[in-house]
Amino acid sequence: MKSQAESLLAKGGLSYTLSELIAIIFYWLGLLITVVVAMNAVNLTVAADLLNRIVLYIPNIIVAIFILIIGMFMATVLRNVVRTAATNSGLSHVNLLAKIVEVVVVVFAVMIALEQLNIASRIIELVITITLGSFGLAFALAFGFGCQDLAKKAVTDLITKIKGK
């Protein structure tokens, strides 16, 4: 009986079991640490520092992968929750709404994983700010043009009320 992790690895094109994959990762990690120690013993400090930085960066990669896995899991859960709630509420376009929620959660998970890897964190912040600002502007324009008559009536009523006093 295959576990879900092994079937996920098979879908990704890996023929290893989960335990074999973990063993391979630890083998290469041990090999890198051994090479770092050997280079320090031979006083090749520049190369040893480079390999040491690689070894110290590996936990960031593991955490980023963990964040992506949790993000995809939460995206699936939230997609199903939104689909169920929207269906029970009688809303139309349930699948579109559920897909939007899923995509937003996955995008945020990817951004958090990239920040964990220290990859262009300032660019990611700017992209989020620009995107949210664009959505806010689009909403304001749509609301302004769509409710133009209501705003005109509200301002007219306010001016009439002020003049009446």
N, C-alpha and C. Protein backbone atom coordinates (compact mmCIF):
# COMPACT_ATOMS: atom_id res chain seq x y z
N MET A 1 0.85 -1.18 0.00
CA MET A 1 0.00 0.00 0.00
C MET A 1 0.89 1.24 0.00
N LYS A 2 0.70 2.09 -0.99
CA LYS A 2 1.48 3.31 -1.09
C LYS A 2 0.90 4.39 -0.20
N SER A 3 1.78 5.15 0.43
CA SER A 3 1.30 6.29 1.21
C SER A 3 1.04 7.45 0.26
N GLN A 4 0.38 8.46 0.79
CA GLN A 4 0.08 9.63 -0.05
C GLN A 4 1.35 10.37 -0.45
N ALA A 5 2.35 10.37 0.45
CA ALA A 5 3.60 11.05 0.14
C ALA A 5 4.30 10.36 -1.02
N GLU A 6 4.27 9.02 -1.04
CA GLU A 6 4.92 8.29 -2.13
C GLU A 6 4.19 8.49 -3.45
N SER A 7 2.87 8.56 -3.42
CA SER A 7 2.13 8.81 -4.65
C SER A 7 2.38 10.24 -5.14
N LEU A 8 2.54 11.19 -4.20
CA LEU A 8 2.87 12.56 -4.57
C LEU A 8 4.25 12.62 -5.20
N LEU A 9 5.22 11.88 -4.64
CA LEU A 9 6.56 11.84 -5.22
C LEU A 9 6.53 11.20 -6.61
N ALA A 10 5.70 10.16 -6.77
CA ALA A 10 5.60 9.51 -8.08
C ALA A 10 5.02 10.46 -9.11
N LYS A 11 4.04 11.28 -8.71
CA LYS A 11 3.48 12.27 -9.63
C LYS A 11 4.53 13.30 -10.04
N GLY A 12 5.45 13.59 -9.11
CA GLY A 12 6.52 14.55 -9.40
C GLY A 12 7.65 13.95 -10.19
N GLY A 13 7.58 12.66 -10.51
CA GLY A 13 8.60 12.03 -11.33
C GLY A 13 9.74 11.41 -10.53
N LEU A 14 9.58 11.30 -9.20
CA LEU A 14 10.61 10.68 -8.37
C LEU A 14 10.25 9.22 -8.12
N SER A 15 11.20 8.34 -8.35
CA SER A 15 10.92 6.92 -8.18
C SER A 15 11.32 6.43 -6.79
N TYR A 16 11.76 7.33 -5.92
CA TYR A 16 12.18 6.95 -4.58
C TYR A 16 10.99 6.93 -3.63
N THR A 17 11.10 6.12 -2.59
CA THR A 17 10.12 6.19 -1.51
C THR A 17 10.49 7.37 -0.63
N LEU A 18 9.62 7.73 0.28
CA LEU A 18 9.88 8.88 1.15
C LEU A 18 11.10 8.63 2.02
N SER A 19 11.24 7.44 2.56
CA SER A 19 12.39 7.14 3.41
C SER A 19 13.70 7.15 2.61
N GLU A 20 13.67 6.67 1.37
CA GLU A 20 14.87 6.72 0.52
C GLU A 20 15.24 8.17 0.20
N LEU A 21 14.25 9.01 -0.05
CA LEU A 21 14.52 10.42 -0.35
C LEU A 21 15.14 11.12 0.85
N ILE A 22 14.61 10.87 2.04
CA ILE A 22 15.18 11.47 3.26
C ILE A 22 16.60 10.97 3.47
N ALA A 23 16.84 9.68 3.22
CA ALA A 23 18.18 9.12 3.37
C ALA A 23 19.15 9.78 2.40
N ILE A 24 18.73 10.01 1.16
CA ILE A 24 19.59 10.65 0.16
C ILE A 24 19.93 12.08 0.58
N ILE A 25 18.93 12.79 1.09
CA ILE A 25 19.16 14.18 1.54
C ILE A 25 20.18 14.20 2.67
N PHE A 26 20.01 13.32 3.66
CA PHE A 26 20.96 13.30 4.78
C PHE A 26 22.34 12.81 4.35
N TYR A 27 22.41 11.92 3.38
CA TYR A 27 23.70 11.47 2.85
C TYR A 27 24.47 12.66 2.27
N TRP A 28 23.80 13.44 1.41
CA TRP A 28 24.48 14.57 0.79
C TRP A 28 24.79 15.66 1.81
N LEU A 29 23.93 15.84 2.79
CA LEU A 29 24.20 16.81 3.85
C LEU A 29 25.43 16.39 4.64
N GLY A 30 25.52 15.12 4.99
CA GLY A 30 26.70 14.61 5.69
C GLY A 30 27.96 14.74 4.86
N LEU A 31 27.84 14.48 3.57
CA LEU A 31 28.98 14.62 2.67
C LEU A 31 29.44 16.08 2.59
N LEU A 32 28.52 17.01 2.52
CA LEU A 32 28.88 18.44 2.49
C LEU A 32 29.58 18.86 3.78
N ILE A 33 29.05 18.42 4.91
CA ILE A 33 29.66 18.77 6.19
C ILE A 33 31.07 18.20 6.28
N THR A 34 31.26 16.97 5.80
CA THR A 34 32.59 16.35 5.79
C THR A 34 33.55 17.15 4.92
N VAL A 35 33.10 17.59 3.77
CA VAL A 35 33.95 18.38 2.87
C VAL A 35 34.31 19.72 3.52
N VAL A 36 33.36 20.35 4.24
CA VAL A 36 33.63 21.61 4.93
C VAL A 36 34.70 21.40 6.00
N VAL A 37 34.58 20.34 6.77
CA VAL A 37 35.56 20.06 7.82
C VAL A 37 36.93 19.78 7.21
N ALA A 38 36.96 19.04 6.10
CA ALA A 38 38.23 18.74 5.44
C ALA A 38 38.89 20.00 4.90
N MET A 39 38.09 20.90 4.33
CA MET A 39 38.65 22.14 3.79
C MET A 39 39.16 23.04 4.90
N ASN A 40 38.48 23.05 6.03
CA ASN A 40 38.97 23.82 7.18
C ASN A 40 40.29 23.24 7.68
N ALA A 41 40.43 21.92 7.65
CA ALA A 41 41.67 21.28 8.11
C ALA A 41 42.84 21.61 7.20
N VAL A 42 42.57 21.83 5.91
CA VAL A 42 43.63 22.12 4.95
C VAL A 42 43.81 23.64 4.78
N ASN A 43 43.10 24.41 5.55
CA ASN A 43 43.16 25.88 5.52
C ASN A 43 42.69 26.48 4.20
N LEU A 44 41.70 25.87 3.57
CA LEU A 44 41.04 26.46 2.41
C LEU A 44 39.79 27.18 2.91
N THR A 45 40.01 28.31 3.56
CA THR A 45 38.92 28.98 4.27
C THR A 45 37.86 29.55 3.33
N VAL A 46 38.25 30.04 2.17
CA VAL A 46 37.27 30.63 1.26
C VAL A 46 36.29 29.57 0.77
N ALA A 47 36.81 28.44 0.34
CA ALA A 47 35.95 27.35 -0.12
C ALA A 47 35.14 26.77 1.04
N ALA A 48 35.77 26.68 2.20
CA ALA A 48 35.06 26.16 3.38
C ALA A 48 33.93 27.09 3.79
N ASP A 49 34.17 28.40 3.71
CA ASP A 49 33.12 29.36 4.03
C ASP A 49 31.95 29.26 3.05
N LEU A 50 32.27 29.08 1.78
CA LEU A 50 31.23 28.94 0.76
C LEU A 50 30.38 27.70 1.03
N LEU A 51 31.02 26.58 1.26
CA LEU A 51 30.28 25.35 1.55
C LEU A 51 29.53 25.45 2.88
N ASN A 52 30.12 26.13 3.83
CA ASN A 52 29.44 26.33 5.12
C ASN A 52 28.17 27.14 4.94
N ARG A 53 28.21 28.16 4.08
CA ARG A 53 27.01 28.95 3.79
C ARG A 53 25.94 28.10 3.13
N ILE A 54 26.37 27.19 2.23
CA ILE A 54 25.41 26.29 1.58
C ILE A 54 24.76 25.38 2.61
N VAL A 55 25.56 24.82 3.52
CA VAL A 55 25.03 23.93 4.55
C VAL A 55 24.07 24.70 5.47
N LEU A 56 24.41 25.94 5.80
CA LEU A 56 23.54 26.73 6.68
C LEU A 56 22.28 27.21 5.97
N TYR A 57 22.27 27.20 4.64
CA TYR A 57 21.09 27.64 3.87
C TYR A 57 20.06 26.52 3.71
N ILE A 58 20.50 25.28 3.87
CA ILE A 58 19.61 24.13 3.66
C ILE A 58 18.38 24.16 4.57
N PRO A 59 18.49 24.55 5.86
CA PRO A 59 17.26 24.64 6.67
C PRO A 59 16.23 25.62 6.12
N ASN A 60 16.69 26.71 5.49
CA ASN A 60 15.76 27.66 4.87
C ASN A 60 14.98 26.98 3.74
N ILE A 61 15.67 26.14 2.98
CA ILE A 61 15.01 25.42 1.88
C ILE A 61 13.97 24.46 2.44
N ILE A 62 14.32 23.75 3.50
CA ILE A 62 13.39 22.80 4.11
C ILE A 62 12.16 23.52 4.65
N VAL A 63 12.37 24.65 5.32
CA VAL A 63 11.25 25.42 5.86
C VAL A 63 10.37 25.97 4.72
N ALA A 64 10.99 26.42 3.64
CA ALA A 64 10.23 26.94 2.50
C ALA A 64 9.37 25.84 1.88
N ILE A 65 9.92 24.65 1.75
CA ILE A 65 9.14 23.53 1.22
C ILE A 65 7.99 23.20 2.15
N PHE A 66 8.25 23.21 3.45
CA PHE A 66 7.20 22.96 4.44
C PHE A 66 6.10 24.02 4.34
N ILE A 67 6.49 25.28 4.17
CA ILE A 67 5.50 26.36 4.02
C ILE A 67 4.66 26.14 2.77
N LEU A 68 5.28 25.74 1.67
CA LEU A 68 4.53 25.48 0.45
C LEU A 68 3.55 24.33 0.62
N ILE A 69 3.97 23.27 1.29
CA ILE A 69 3.08 22.13 1.51
C ILE A 69 1.89 22.53 2.37
N ILE A 70 2.16 23.25 3.46
CA ILE A 70 1.07 23.72 4.34
C ILE A 70 0.16 24.69 3.58
N GLY A 71 0.75 25.58 2.76
CA GLY A 71 -0.04 26.53 1.98
C GLY A 71 -0.96 25.84 0.99
N MET A 72 -0.45 24.80 0.31
CA MET A 72 -1.29 24.07 -0.64
C MET A 72 -2.40 23.31 0.08
N PHE A 73 -2.08 22.76 1.24
CA PHE A 73 -3.10 22.06 2.03
C PHE A 73 -4.19 23.04 2.47
N MET A 74 -3.77 24.20 2.98
CA MET A 74 -4.75 25.20 3.44
C MET A 74 -5.56 25.74 2.26
N ALA A 75 -4.95 25.87 1.09
CA ALA A 75 -5.68 26.34 -0.09
C ALA A 75 -6.77 25.34 -0.46
N THR A 76 -6.46 24.06 -0.40
CA THR A 76 -7.46 23.04 -0.71
C THR A 76 -8.59 23.05 0.31
N VAL A 77 -8.23 23.15 1.59
CA VAL A 77 -9.25 23.18 2.65
C VAL A 77 -10.14 24.40 2.49
N LEU A 78 -9.54 25.57 2.30
CA LEU A 78 -10.34 26.79 2.17
C LEU A 78 -11.18 26.79 0.90
N ARG A 79 -10.66 26.20 -0.19
CA ARG A 79 -11.45 26.09 -1.41
C ARG A 79 -12.72 25.27 -1.15
N ASN A 80 -12.57 24.16 -0.46
CA ASN A 80 -13.73 23.33 -0.15
C ASN A 80 -14.69 24.02 0.80
N VAL A 81 -14.16 24.75 1.78
CA VAL A 81 -15.03 25.48 2.72
C VAL A 81 -15.81 26.56 1.99
N VAL A 82 -15.13 27.32 1.13
CA VAL A 82 -15.81 28.38 0.38
C VAL A 82 -16.84 27.80 -0.57
N ARG A 83 -16.49 26.72 -1.24
CA ARG A 83 -17.44 26.09 -2.15
C ARG A 83 -18.69 25.61 -1.41
N THR A 84 -18.50 24.98 -0.26
CA THR A 84 -19.63 24.49 0.53
C THR A 84 -20.48 25.64 1.05
N ALA A 85 -19.83 26.67 1.60
CA ALA A 85 -20.57 27.80 2.16
C ALA A 85 -21.32 28.56 1.06
N ALA A 86 -20.67 28.75 -0.09
CA ALA A 86 -21.32 29.48 -1.18
C ALA A 86 -22.48 28.68 -1.77
N THR A 87 -22.31 27.37 -1.86
CA THR A 87 -23.40 26.53 -2.37
C THR A 87 -24.58 26.56 -1.41
N ASN A 88 -24.30 26.46 -0.12
CA ASN A 88 -25.37 26.50 0.87
C ASN A 88 -26.06 27.86 0.93
N SER A 89 -25.33 28.91 0.58
CA SER A 89 -25.91 30.25 0.58
C SER A 89 -26.68 30.55 -0.69
N GLY A 90 -26.53 29.71 -1.69
CA GLY A 90 -27.25 29.90 -2.94
C GLY A 90 -26.59 30.90 -3.88
N LEU A 91 -25.29 31.12 -3.70
CA LEU A 91 -24.58 32.05 -4.57
C LEU A 91 -24.32 31.42 -5.93
N SER A 92 -24.20 32.29 -6.94
CA SER A 92 -23.85 31.79 -8.26
C SER A 92 -22.33 31.85 -8.41
N HIS A 93 -21.80 31.19 -9.41
CA HIS A 93 -20.36 31.16 -9.69
C HIS A 93 -19.56 30.63 -8.49
N VAL A 94 -20.02 29.55 -7.93
CA VAL A 94 -19.39 28.97 -6.74
C VAL A 94 -17.98 28.49 -7.06
N ASN A 95 -17.80 27.83 -8.18
CA ASN A 95 -16.48 27.29 -8.52
C ASN A 95 -15.47 28.40 -8.78
N LEU A 96 -15.91 29.50 -9.39
CA LEU A 96 -15.01 30.63 -9.62
C LEU A 96 -14.56 31.23 -8.30
N LEU A 97 -15.49 31.43 -7.39
CA LEU A 97 -15.17 31.99 -6.08
C LEU A 97 -14.21 31.08 -5.32
N ALA A 98 -14.45 29.77 -5.36
CA ALA A 98 -13.58 28.82 -4.68
C ALA A 98 -12.18 28.82 -5.30
N LYS A 99 -12.10 28.92 -6.62
CA LYS A 99 -10.80 28.93 -7.30
C LYS A 99 -10.03 30.20 -6.98
N ILE A 100 -10.72 31.34 -6.87
CA ILE A 100 -10.06 32.60 -6.52
C ILE A 100 -9.44 32.48 -5.14
N VAL A 101 -10.18 31.92 -4.19
CA VAL A 101 -9.66 31.75 -2.83
C VAL A 101 -8.43 30.84 -2.85
N GLU A 102 -8.51 29.76 -3.60
CA GLU A 102 -7.39 28.82 -3.68
C GLU A 102 -6.14 29.50 -4.26
N VAL A 103 -6.32 30.24 -5.34
CA VAL A 103 -5.18 30.90 -5.98
C VAL A 103 -4.56 31.95 -5.06
N VAL A 104 -5.38 32.72 -4.36
CA VAL A 104 -4.86 33.74 -3.46
C VAL A 104 -4.04 33.11 -2.35
N VAL A 105 -4.53 32.02 -1.77
CA VAL A 105 -3.79 31.36 -0.68
C VAL A 105 -2.47 30.77 -1.20
N VAL A 106 -2.49 30.17 -2.38
CA VAL A 106 -1.25 29.60 -2.94
C VAL A 106 -0.25 30.72 -3.26
N VAL A 107 -0.72 31.84 -3.79
CA VAL A 107 0.18 32.95 -4.10
C VAL A 107 0.83 33.48 -2.83
N PHE A 108 0.04 33.63 -1.76
CA PHE A 108 0.62 34.09 -0.50
C PHE A 108 1.60 33.07 0.06
N ALA A 109 1.32 31.79 -0.07
CA ALA A 109 2.24 30.75 0.40
C ALA A 109 3.55 30.81 -0.38
N VAL A 110 3.47 31.01 -1.69
CA VAL A 110 4.69 31.13 -2.51
C VAL A 110 5.48 32.36 -2.10
N MET A 111 4.80 33.47 -1.86
CA MET A 111 5.50 34.69 -1.45
C MET A 111 6.19 34.51 -0.11
N ILE A 112 5.52 33.85 0.83
CA ILE A 112 6.13 33.61 2.14
C ILE A 112 7.33 32.67 2.00
N ALA A 113 7.21 31.66 1.14
CA ALA A 113 8.33 30.73 0.92
C ALA A 113 9.51 31.46 0.29
N LEU A 114 9.25 32.34 -0.67
CA LEU A 114 10.33 33.11 -1.29
C LEU A 114 11.00 34.04 -0.27
N GLU A 115 10.21 34.60 0.61
CA GLU A 115 10.79 35.46 1.64
C GLU A 115 11.65 34.63 2.60
N GLN A 116 11.21 33.41 2.90
CA GLN A 116 12.00 32.52 3.75
C GLN A 116 13.35 32.20 3.10
N LEU A 117 13.36 32.11 1.78
CA LEU A 117 14.59 31.84 1.05
C LEU A 117 15.42 33.10 0.81
N ASN A 118 14.95 34.24 1.29
CA ASN A 118 15.62 35.54 1.11
C ASN A 118 15.80 35.88 -0.36
N ILE A 119 14.79 35.58 -1.15
CA ILE A 119 14.84 35.87 -2.58
C ILE A 119 13.95 37.09 -2.85
N ALA A 120 14.56 38.18 -3.17
CA ALA A 120 13.86 39.39 -3.61
C ALA A 120 12.71 39.77 -2.69
N SER A 121 12.97 39.84 -1.40
CA SER A 121 11.89 40.13 -0.45
C SER A 121 11.35 41.55 -0.65
N ARG A 122 12.19 42.49 -1.02
CA ARG A 122 11.72 43.86 -1.25
C ARG A 122 10.82 43.92 -2.49
N ILE A 123 11.17 43.17 -3.52
CA ILE A 123 10.33 43.14 -4.73
C ILE A 123 8.98 42.52 -4.41
N ILE A 124 8.97 41.49 -3.58
CA ILE A 124 7.71 40.85 -3.20
C ILE A 124 6.83 41.83 -2.44
N GLU A 125 7.43 42.60 -1.52
CA GLU A 125 6.66 43.61 -0.79
C GLU A 125 6.05 44.63 -1.74
N LEU A 126 6.83 45.08 -2.72
CA LEU A 126 6.33 46.06 -3.69
C LEU A 126 5.22 45.47 -4.55
N VAL A 127 5.36 44.21 -4.95
CA VAL A 127 4.32 43.57 -5.76
C VAL A 127 3.01 43.48 -4.98
N ILE A 128 3.10 43.11 -3.70
CA ILE A 128 1.90 43.02 -2.88
C ILE A 128 1.26 44.39 -2.73
N THR A 129 2.06 45.41 -2.45
CA THR A 129 1.54 46.77 -2.29
C THR A 129 0.88 47.27 -3.57
N ILE A 130 1.54 47.08 -4.70
CA ILE A 130 0.99 47.54 -5.98
C ILE A 130 -0.29 46.79 -6.31
N THR A 131 -0.31 45.48 -6.07
CA THR A 131 -1.50 44.68 -6.37
C THR A 131 -2.68 45.10 -5.50
N LEU A 132 -2.45 45.25 -4.20
CA LEU A 132 -3.55 45.67 -3.33
C LEU A 132 -4.02 47.09 -3.65
N GLY A 133 -3.07 47.97 -3.98
CA GLY A 133 -3.45 49.32 -4.38
C GLY A 133 -4.27 49.33 -5.67
N SER A 134 -3.90 48.48 -6.61
CA SER A 134 -4.64 48.38 -7.88
C SER A 134 -6.05 47.87 -7.65
N PHE A 135 -6.18 46.86 -6.80
CA PHE A 135 -7.52 46.35 -6.50
C PHE A 135 -8.37 47.41 -5.80
N GLY A 136 -7.75 48.17 -4.88
CA GLY A 136 -8.47 49.23 -4.19
C GLY A 136 -8.93 50.32 -5.15
N LEU A 137 -8.05 50.72 -6.06
CA LEU A 137 -8.41 51.73 -7.06
C LEU A 137 -9.50 51.22 -7.99
N ALA A 138 -9.40 49.96 -8.42
CA ALA A 138 -10.42 49.39 -9.29
C ALA A 138 -11.77 49.34 -8.58
N PHE A 139 -11.75 48.96 -7.31
CA PHE A 139 -12.99 48.92 -6.55
C PHE A 139 -13.58 50.32 -6.39
N ALA A 140 -12.72 51.30 -6.09
CA ALA A 140 -13.20 52.67 -5.92
C ALA A 140 -13.80 53.22 -7.21
N LEU A 141 -13.14 52.96 -8.33
CA LEU A 141 -13.67 53.43 -9.62
C LEU A 141 -14.98 52.74 -9.97
N ALA A 142 -15.04 51.43 -9.75
CA ALA A 142 -16.27 50.70 -10.05
C ALA A 142 -17.41 51.17 -9.16
N PHE A 143 -17.11 51.39 -7.89
CA PHE A 143 -18.14 51.87 -6.97
C PHE A 143 -18.56 53.29 -7.33
N GLY A 144 -17.59 54.12 -7.68
CA GLY A 144 -17.90 55.51 -8.03
C GLY A 144 -18.75 55.62 -9.28
N PHE A 145 -18.38 54.89 -10.32
CA PHE A 145 -19.16 54.95 -11.56
C PHE A 145 -20.49 54.21 -11.43
N GLY A 146 -20.51 53.14 -10.68
CA GLY A 146 -21.74 52.36 -10.53
C GLY A 146 -22.76 53.03 -9.63
N CYS A 147 -22.30 53.80 -8.66
CA CYS A 147 -23.20 54.43 -7.70
C CYS A 147 -23.24 55.94 -7.88
N GLN A 148 -23.02 56.38 -9.09
CA GLN A 148 -22.98 57.81 -9.36
C GLN A 148 -24.31 58.48 -9.03
N ASP A 149 -25.42 57.83 -9.39
CA ASP A 149 -26.74 58.40 -9.12
C ASP A 149 -27.02 58.46 -7.62
N LEU A 150 -26.63 57.43 -6.89
CA LEU A 150 -26.83 57.42 -5.44
C LEU A 150 -26.02 58.52 -4.76
N ALA A 151 -24.77 58.70 -5.20
CA ALA A 151 -23.94 59.75 -4.62
C ALA A 151 -24.51 61.13 -4.93
N LYS A 152 -25.00 61.31 -6.15
CA LYS A 152 -25.59 62.60 -6.54
C LYS A 152 -26.81 62.90 -5.68
N LYS A 153 -27.65 61.88 -5.46
CA LYS A 153 -28.85 62.07 -4.64
C LYS A 153 -28.48 62.37 -3.19
N ALA A 154 -27.46 61.67 -2.66
CA ALA A 154 -27.05 61.89 -1.27
C ALA A 154 -26.50 63.30 -1.09
N VAL A 155 -25.70 63.78 -2.02
CA VAL A 155 -25.13 65.13 -1.93
C VAL A 155 -26.24 66.17 -2.08
N THR A 156 -27.17 65.94 -3.00
CA THR A 156 -28.29 66.87 -3.19
C THR A 156 -29.14 66.95 -1.92
N ASP A 157 -29.45 65.80 -1.33
CA ASP A 157 -30.23 65.78 -0.09
C ASP A 157 -29.49 66.49 1.04
N LEU A 158 -28.17 66.31 1.12
CA LEU A 158 -27.38 66.96 2.16
C LEU A 158 -27.39 68.47 1.99
N ILE A 159 -27.22 68.94 0.73
CA ILE A 159 -27.22 70.38 0.48
C ILE A 159 -28.60 70.97 0.77
N THR A 160 -29.65 70.25 0.37
CA THR A 160 -31.01 70.72 0.65
C THR A 160 -31.25 70.82 2.14
N LYS A 161 -30.78 69.83 2.88
CA LYS A 161 -30.95 69.81 4.35
C LYS A 161 -30.19 70.94 4.99
N ILE A 162 -28.98 71.23 4.48
CA ILE A 162 -28.15 72.31 5.04
C ILE A 162 -28.81 73.67 4.74
N LYS A 163 -29.31 73.87 3.52
CA LYS A 163 -29.96 75.12 3.15
C LYS A 163 -31.26 75.32 3.88
N GLY A 164 -31.93 74.20 4.20
CA GLY A 164 -33.22 74.28 4.89
C GLY A 164 -33.10 74.74 6.33
N LYS A 165 -31.97 74.56 6.93
CA LYS A 165 -31.78 74.94 8.35
C LYS A 165 -31.48 76.35 8.50
